[in-house]
Amino acid sequence: MYYLKKSKDDKKEVLVFHVVSNELSHVDELLKKPGSITLITVEESEVGAEFVSIQRDNKKIVLKFNIKRDTEGKVNKLYPFAGTNFLLVYNHLK
């Protein structure tokens, strides 16, 4: 996985992840999950988020998550992984 960017407005933060390979083994399952609450784990950093969308074309797969409130600064712990390859684990809670 590859962490691409984070953006923020007055209500939420958005995390966008690019999948490095052109394959995601469970992509069909993900297509049914937008709107679900997800626990995102990168290395030892963990944050809860809403899974918003998955976009794919012939070159890449992009996963988008919204974070409504990050009062503990958990998203900031993901910054060191920006621009690097890493394993992203996400578990749908709802």
Protein backbone atom coordinates (compact mmCIF):
# COMPACT_ATOMS: atom_id res chain seq x y z
CA MET A 1 0.00 0.00 0.00
CA TYR A 2 1.02 3.61 -0.41
CA TYR A 3 -0.24 6.56 1.60
CA LEU A 4 -0.87 9.36 -0.84
CA LYS A 5 -2.41 12.31 0.94
CA LYS A 6 -4.46 13.73 3.76
CA SER A 7 -6.80 16.68 3.42
CA LYS A 8 -8.94 18.46 5.99
CA ASP A 9 -11.99 20.69 6.10
CA ASP A 10 -13.95 21.98 9.08
CA LYS A 11 -15.84 18.70 9.57
CA LYS A 12 -13.50 15.86 8.64
CA GLU A 13 -10.09 14.66 7.55
CA VAL A 14 -9.72 12.53 4.43
CA LEU A 15 -7.10 9.80 4.04
CA VAL A 16 -6.43 8.51 0.52
CA PHE A 17 -4.39 5.34 0.02
CA HIS A 18 -3.07 4.07 -3.32
CA VAL A 19 -2.60 0.33 -3.74
CA VAL A 20 0.89 -0.28 -5.11
CA SER A 21 0.03 -3.36 -7.14
CA ASN A 22 -2.82 -3.42 -9.62
CA GLU A 23 -4.48 -6.21 -7.66
CA LEU A 24 -6.46 -6.21 -4.46
CA SER A 25 -7.61 -9.71 -3.58
CA HIS A 26 -10.87 -8.65 -1.91
CA VAL A 27 -11.84 -5.73 -4.16
CA ASP A 28 -15.34 -7.13 -4.83
CA GLU A 29 -16.05 -7.24 -1.09
CA LEU A 30 -14.84 -3.64 -0.70
CA LEU A 31 -17.21 -2.44 -3.41
CA LYS A 32 -20.09 -3.38 -1.06
CA LYS A 33 -18.64 -1.61 2.00
CA PRO A 34 -18.78 2.19 1.42
CA GLY A 35 -20.19 3.91 4.49
CA SER A 36 -18.95 1.22 6.87
CA ILE A 37 -16.94 2.08 9.96
CA THR A 38 -13.39 0.80 9.66
CA LEU A 39 -10.38 0.39 11.93
CA ILE A 40 -7.24 1.32 9.94
CA THR A 41 -3.88 -0.03 11.13
CA VAL A 42 -0.55 1.06 9.65
CA GLU A 43 2.38 -0.63 11.38
CA GLU A 44 1.50 0.13 15.03
CA SER A 45 -0.65 3.21 14.40
CA GLU A 46 -4.41 2.72 14.50
CA VAL A 47 -7.32 5.05 13.74
CA GLY A 48 -11.07 4.63 13.26
CA ALA A 49 -12.55 5.94 9.99
CA GLU A 50 -15.49 5.75 7.63
CA PHE A 51 -14.72 3.84 4.43
CA VAL A 52 -15.96 6.21 1.71
CA SER A 53 -15.04 4.72 -1.64
CA ILE A 54 -12.84 2.55 -3.77
CA GLN A 55 -11.84 3.73 -7.23
CA ARG A 56 -9.99 1.61 -9.72
CA ASP A 57 -8.78 1.90 -13.26
CA ASN A 58 -6.21 0.02 -15.29
CA LYS A 59 -3.30 1.73 -13.49
CA LYS A 60 -4.24 1.99 -9.83
CA ILE A 61 -6.65 1.30 -6.99
CA VAL A 62 -7.48 4.13 -4.57
CA LEU A 63 -9.10 3.69 -1.14
CA LYS A 64 -10.67 6.75 0.52
CA PHE A 65 -11.52 7.09 4.23
CA ASN A 66 -13.09 9.95 6.26
CA ILE A 67 -12.15 10.70 9.85
CA LYS A 68 -14.69 12.88 11.64
CA ARG A 69 -12.86 13.68 14.88
CA ASP A 70 -9.29 12.89 15.78
CA THR A 71 -9.05 14.34 19.27
CA GLU A 72 -6.12 12.07 20.18
CA GLY A 73 -3.95 12.99 17.17
CA LYS A 74 -3.87 9.43 15.84
CA VAL A 75 -3.85 10.57 12.20
CA ASN A 76 -0.62 12.48 12.80
CA LYS A 77 1.08 9.16 13.60
CA LEU A 78 0.46 8.10 9.99
CA TYR A 79 2.52 10.98 8.52
CA PRO A 80 5.89 9.16 8.77
CA PHE A 81 4.52 6.58 6.33
CA ALA A 82 3.66 9.12 3.62
CA GLY A 83 5.43 8.30 0.39
CA THR A 84 6.58 4.87 1.55
CA ASN A 85 5.33 1.35 0.91
CA PHE A 86 3.71 -0.27 3.93
CA LEU A 87 1.08 -2.79 4.91
CA LEU A 88 -2.37 -1.31 5.49
CA VAL A 89 -4.84 -3.37 7.51
CA TYR A 90 -8.47 -2.31 7.71
CA ASN A 91 -11.24 -4.14 9.52
CA HIS A 92 -14.87 -3.22 8.94
CA LEU A 93 -16.62 -2.81 12.29
CA LYS A 94 -20.13 -1.97 11.12
